[in-house]
């Protein structure tokens, strides 16, 4: 059974930082492009960042560009999203997803191109 799981959400103070982890069972994450998404209450899901297979490229969207880093630890079969300078508008449920759609050279965060999804983890930014 192929499953993804997000770890690391919680309550964070404004201007704080966090690291979300995406772990997998039943699939090797390095064989997929991995994307991070989020959905805030009353809003559509939005893509944040992705990492290609074999780590050849990364992509960040405007909401997190310059304050997020996506990375992979193959030994742990885990992909991370580190964010800093958190704002209340970053409050959302964060999801990781895996896609076989992209080549090794590029990725994007178009959610319909991702086959496997985690259940999400809540991140709340508040003082």
Foldseek 3Di string as FASTA:
>chain_A
DKAKAKDWADEAEAQAKTKIKIAIDPDQQLLWKKWKWWDAPPGDIDTAKIAARVRQDMDGDDVQPPFWDWDDDRVRSMIMIMGGNDDQVVWTWMKMFTANPDDRHDDDPPPVRTDHIHPTDTHGYHD
